[in-house]
Amino acid sequence: MNAYQHSKSSAKKWGGTWNDYQELHLWMDGSKEMMGDIRHRALRHHTQGIFEAERQFGTEWIISTGKKIPVRDILEQHVLEDLGYLATLSDWLREMPVKKWMSGQRRVKVKTILLRDKE
């Protein structure tokens, strides 16, 4: 689903219009800017990502009707719609292969080239 579809789903569940929810769902899917396939979800589609959203947006989201909805509920629904369960960051990282460069064991040599003005 994309942010628009998630927003429509939220409006159906909690009321208001899809526009009321768009900012939250765009934030959740904002990692698509860095990775255009489903791997982008590893950055925010988990419990820690939802806690981060609460720090950024607050714990309550007020829609156009004045109704207050927990940000956690809205974004948990987003993750459930995309993944089918509420993942943790550990769920994502456990699937990531450990590479040698991650521990700093592989050093990259940088060749420095000095440019001098020719006179």
C-alpha atoms as a PDB file:
ATOM      1  CA  MET A   1       0.000   0.000   0.000  1.00  0.00           C
ATOM      2  CA  ASN A   2       1.080   3.582  -0.498  1.00  0.00           C
ATOM      3  CA  ALA A   3       0.567   6.544   1.854  1.00  0.00           C
ATOM      4  CA  TYR A   4      -2.688   7.546   0.151  1.00  0.00           C
ATOM      5  CA  GLN A   5      -4.156   4.058   0.537  1.00  0.00           C
ATOM      6  CA  HIS A   6      -3.048   3.907   4.186  1.00  0.00           C
ATOM      7  CA  SER A   7      -4.634   7.322   4.756  1.00  0.00           C
ATOM      8  CA  LYS A   8      -7.941   6.175   3.270  1.00  0.00           C
ATOM      9  CA  SER A   9      -7.828   3.091   5.474  1.00  0.00           C
ATOM     10  CA  SER A  10      -7.218   5.252   8.557  1.00  0.00           C
ATOM     11  CA  ALA A  11     -10.149   7.533   7.693  1.00  0.00           C
ATOM     12  CA  LYS A  12     -12.400   4.508   7.321  1.00  0.00           C
ATOM     13  CA  LYS A  13     -11.299   3.152  10.707  1.00  0.00           C
ATOM     14  CA  TRP A  14     -11.150   6.352  12.819  1.00  0.00           C
ATOM     15  CA  GLY A  15     -13.192   8.920  10.879  1.00  0.00           C
ATOM     16  CA  GLY A  16     -12.289  12.197   9.257  1.00  0.00           C
ATOM     17  CA  THR A  17     -10.839  12.411   5.772  1.00  0.00           C
ATOM     18  CA  TRP A  18      -7.797  10.780   4.224  1.00  0.00           C
ATOM     19  CA  ASN A  19      -6.056  14.177   4.331  1.00  0.00           C
ATOM     20  CA  ASP A  20      -6.164  14.019   8.139  1.00  0.00           C
ATOM     21  CA  TYR A  21      -3.711  11.104   8.150  1.00  0.00           C
ATOM     22  CA  GLN A  22      -1.526  11.773   5.128  1.00  0.00           C
ATOM     23  CA  GLU A  23       1.352  13.423   7.034  1.00  0.00           C
ATOM     24  CA  LEU A  24       1.828  10.420   9.325  1.00  0.00           C
ATOM     25  CA  HIS A  25       1.720   7.881   6.513  1.00  0.00           C
ATOM     26  CA  LEU A  26       4.061   9.944   4.330  1.00  0.00           C
ATOM     27  CA  TRP A  27       6.520  10.047   7.233  1.00  0.00           C
ATOM     28  CA  MET A  28       6.300   6.276   7.711  1.00  0.00           C
ATOM     29  CA  ASP A  29       6.995   5.709   4.009  1.00  0.00           C
ATOM     30  CA  GLY A  30       9.528   8.551   3.746  1.00  0.00           C
ATOM     31  CA  SER A  31      12.380   6.070   3.652  1.00  0.00           C
ATOM     32  CA  LYS A  32      11.362   5.328   0.044  1.00  0.00           C
ATOM     33  CA  GLU A  33      13.456   8.396  -0.799  1.00  0.00           C
ATOM     34  CA  MET A  34      16.571   6.382   0.057  1.00  0.00           C
ATOM     35  CA  MET A  35      15.555   2.897  -1.079  1.00  0.00           C
ATOM     36  CA  GLY A  36      12.862   2.491  -3.711  1.00  0.00           C
ATOM     37  CA  ASP A  37      11.946  -1.122  -2.993  1.00  0.00           C
ATOM     38  CA  ILE A  38      10.409  -2.862   0.027  1.00  0.00           C
ATOM     39  CA  ARG A  39      13.712  -2.794   1.918  1.00  0.00           C
ATOM     40  CA  HIS A  40      12.903   0.827   2.795  1.00  0.00           C
ATOM     41  CA  ARG A  41      10.509  -0.594   5.401  1.00  0.00           C
ATOM     42  CA  ALA A  42      13.449  -1.770   7.535  1.00  0.00           C
ATOM     43  CA  LEU A  43      14.038   1.863   8.567  1.00  0.00           C
ATOM     44  CA  ARG A  44      10.621   2.708  10.093  1.00  0.00           C
ATOM     45  CA  HIS A  45       8.157  -0.190   9.764  1.00  0.00           C
ATOM     46  CA  HIS A  46       8.696  -1.566  13.264  1.00  0.00           C
ATOM     47  CA  THR A  47       8.003  -0.759  16.912  1.00  0.00           C
ATOM     48  CA  GLN A  48      11.033   1.494  17.290  1.00  0.00           C
ATOM     49  CA  GLY A  49       9.966   3.454  14.201  1.00  0.00           C
ATOM     50  CA  ILE A  50       6.566   4.020  15.803  1.00  0.00           C
ATOM     51  CA  PHE A  51       8.203   5.275  19.012  1.00  0.00           C
ATOM     52  CA  GLU A  52      10.259   7.649  16.856  1.00  0.00           C
ATOM     53  CA  ALA A  53       7.066   8.942  15.219  1.00  0.00           C
ATOM     54  CA  GLU A  54       5.602   9.641  18.666  1.00  0.00           C
ATOM     55  CA  ARG A  55       8.684  11.683  19.538  1.00  0.00           C
ATOM     56  CA  GLN A  56       8.296  13.667  16.323  1.00  0.00           C
ATOM     57  CA  PHE A  57       4.500  14.105  16.195  1.00  0.00           C
ATOM     58  CA  GLY A  58       3.396  13.589  19.792  1.00  0.00           C
ATOM     59  CA  THR A  59       1.338  10.740  21.165  1.00  0.00           C
ATOM     60  CA  GLU A  60      -2.034  12.013  19.896  1.00  0.00           C
ATOM     61  CA  TRP A  61      -3.091  12.971  16.387  1.00  0.00           C
ATOM     62  CA  ILE A  62      -5.992  15.399  16.101  1.00  0.00           C
ATOM     63  CA  ILE A  63      -8.075  15.047  12.951  1.00  0.00           C
ATOM     64  CA  SER A  64     -10.345  17.644  11.324  1.00  0.00           C
ATOM     65  CA  THR A  65     -13.355  16.575  13.413  1.00  0.00           C
ATOM     66  CA  GLY A  66     -11.419  17.348  16.602  1.00  0.00           C
ATOM     67  CA  LYS A  67     -11.135  13.671  17.489  1.00  0.00           C
ATOM     68  CA  LYS A  68      -7.842  12.585  19.086  1.00  0.00           C
ATOM     69  CA  ILE A  69      -6.321   9.312  17.950  1.00  0.00           C
ATOM     70  CA  PRO A  70      -3.127   7.766  19.313  1.00  0.00           C
ATOM     71  CA  VAL A  71      -0.293   8.077  16.797  1.00  0.00           C
ATOM     72  CA  ARG A  72       0.745   4.597  17.893  1.00  0.00           C
ATOM     73  CA  ASP A  73      -2.609   3.126  16.811  1.00  0.00           C
ATOM     74  CA  ILE A  74      -2.481   4.785  13.389  1.00  0.00           C
ATOM     75  CA  LEU A  75       1.051   3.665  12.617  1.00  0.00           C
ATOM     76  CA  GLU A  76       0.662   0.184  14.088  1.00  0.00           C
ATOM     77  CA  GLN A  77      -2.214  -0.227  11.625  1.00  0.00           C
ATOM     78  CA  HIS A  78       0.112   0.980   8.841  1.00  0.00           C
ATOM     79  CA  VAL A  79       2.719  -1.653   9.718  1.00  0.00           C
ATOM     80  CA  LEU A  80       0.065  -4.375  10.064  1.00  0.00           C
ATOM     81  CA  GLU A  81      -1.342  -3.511   6.635  1.00  0.00           C
ATOM     82  CA  ASP A  82       2.110  -3.711   5.039  1.00  0.00           C
ATOM     83  CA  LEU A  83       3.693  -6.615   6.906  1.00  0.00           C
ATOM     84  CA  GLY A  84       0.836  -8.592   8.429  1.00  0.00           C
ATOM     85  CA  TYR A  85       2.283  -8.345  11.933  1.00  0.00           C
ATOM     86  CA  LEU A  86       3.890  -5.764  14.190  1.00  0.00           C
ATOM     87  CA  ALA A  87       7.607  -6.185  13.558  1.00  0.00           C
ATOM     88  CA  THR A  88      10.429  -5.051  15.820  1.00  0.00           C
ATOM     89  CA  LEU A  89      13.727  -3.570  14.710  1.00  0.00           C
ATOM     90  CA  SER A  90      15.329  -6.842  15.851  1.00  0.00           C
ATOM     91  CA  ASP A  91      13.123  -8.740  13.383  1.00  0.00           C
ATOM     92  CA  TRP A  92      14.582  -6.694  10.544  1.00  0.00           C
ATOM     93  CA  LEU A  93      18.200  -6.737  11.735  1.00  0.00           C
ATOM     94  CA  ARG A  94      18.150 -10.485  12.385  1.00  0.00           C
ATOM     95  CA  GLU A  95      17.596 -10.962   8.634  1.00  0.00           C
ATOM     96  CA  MET A  96      20.501  -8.721   7.673  1.00  0.00           C
ATOM     97  CA  PRO A  97      23.687 -10.627   6.880  1.00  0.00           C
ATOM     98  CA  VAL A  98      26.712  -9.504   8.868  1.00  0.00           C
ATOM     99  CA  LYS A  99      29.488  -8.316   6.558  1.00  0.00           C
ATOM    100  CA  LYS A 100      33.141  -7.841   7.413  1.00  0.00           C
ATOM    101  CA  TRP A 101      33.060  -4.096   6.707  1.00  0.00           C
ATOM    102  CA  MET A 102      30.407  -3.605   9.406  1.00  0.00           C
ATOM    103  CA  SER A 103      32.937  -4.321  12.140  1.00  0.00           C
ATOM    104  CA  GLY A 104      35.619  -2.085  10.679  1.00  0.00           C
ATOM    105  CA  GLN A 105      37.874  -5.031   9.797  1.00  0.00           C
ATOM    106  CA  ARG A 106      38.077  -4.041   6.155  1.00  0.00           C
ATOM    107  CA  ARG A 107      39.943  -0.809   5.679  1.00  0.00           C
ATOM    108  CA  VAL A 108      39.768   1.124   2.472  1.00  0.00           C
ATOM    109  CA  LYS A 109      43.000   2.748   1.384  1.00  0.00           C
ATOM    110  CA  VAL A 110      42.549   6.244   0.093  1.00  0.00           C
ATOM    111  CA  LYS A 111      45.068   7.498  -2.407  1.00  0.00           C
ATOM    112  CA  THR A 112      45.709  11.191  -2.054  1.00  0.00           C
ATOM    113  CA  ILE A 113      46.550  13.080  -5.203  1.00  0.00           C
ATOM    114  CA  LEU A 114      48.100  16.484  -4.879  1.00  0.00           C
ATOM    115  CA  LEU A 115      47.380  18.885  -7.665  1.00  0.00           C
ATOM    116  CA  ARG A 116      49.911  21.607  -8.240  1.00  0.00           C
ATOM    117  CA  ASP A 117      49.486  24.621 -10.382  1.00  0.00           C
ATOM    118  CA  LYS A 118      51.589  24.502 -13.482  1.00  0.00           C
ATOM    119  CA  GLU A 119      53.377  27.745 -14.064  1.00  0.00           C
END
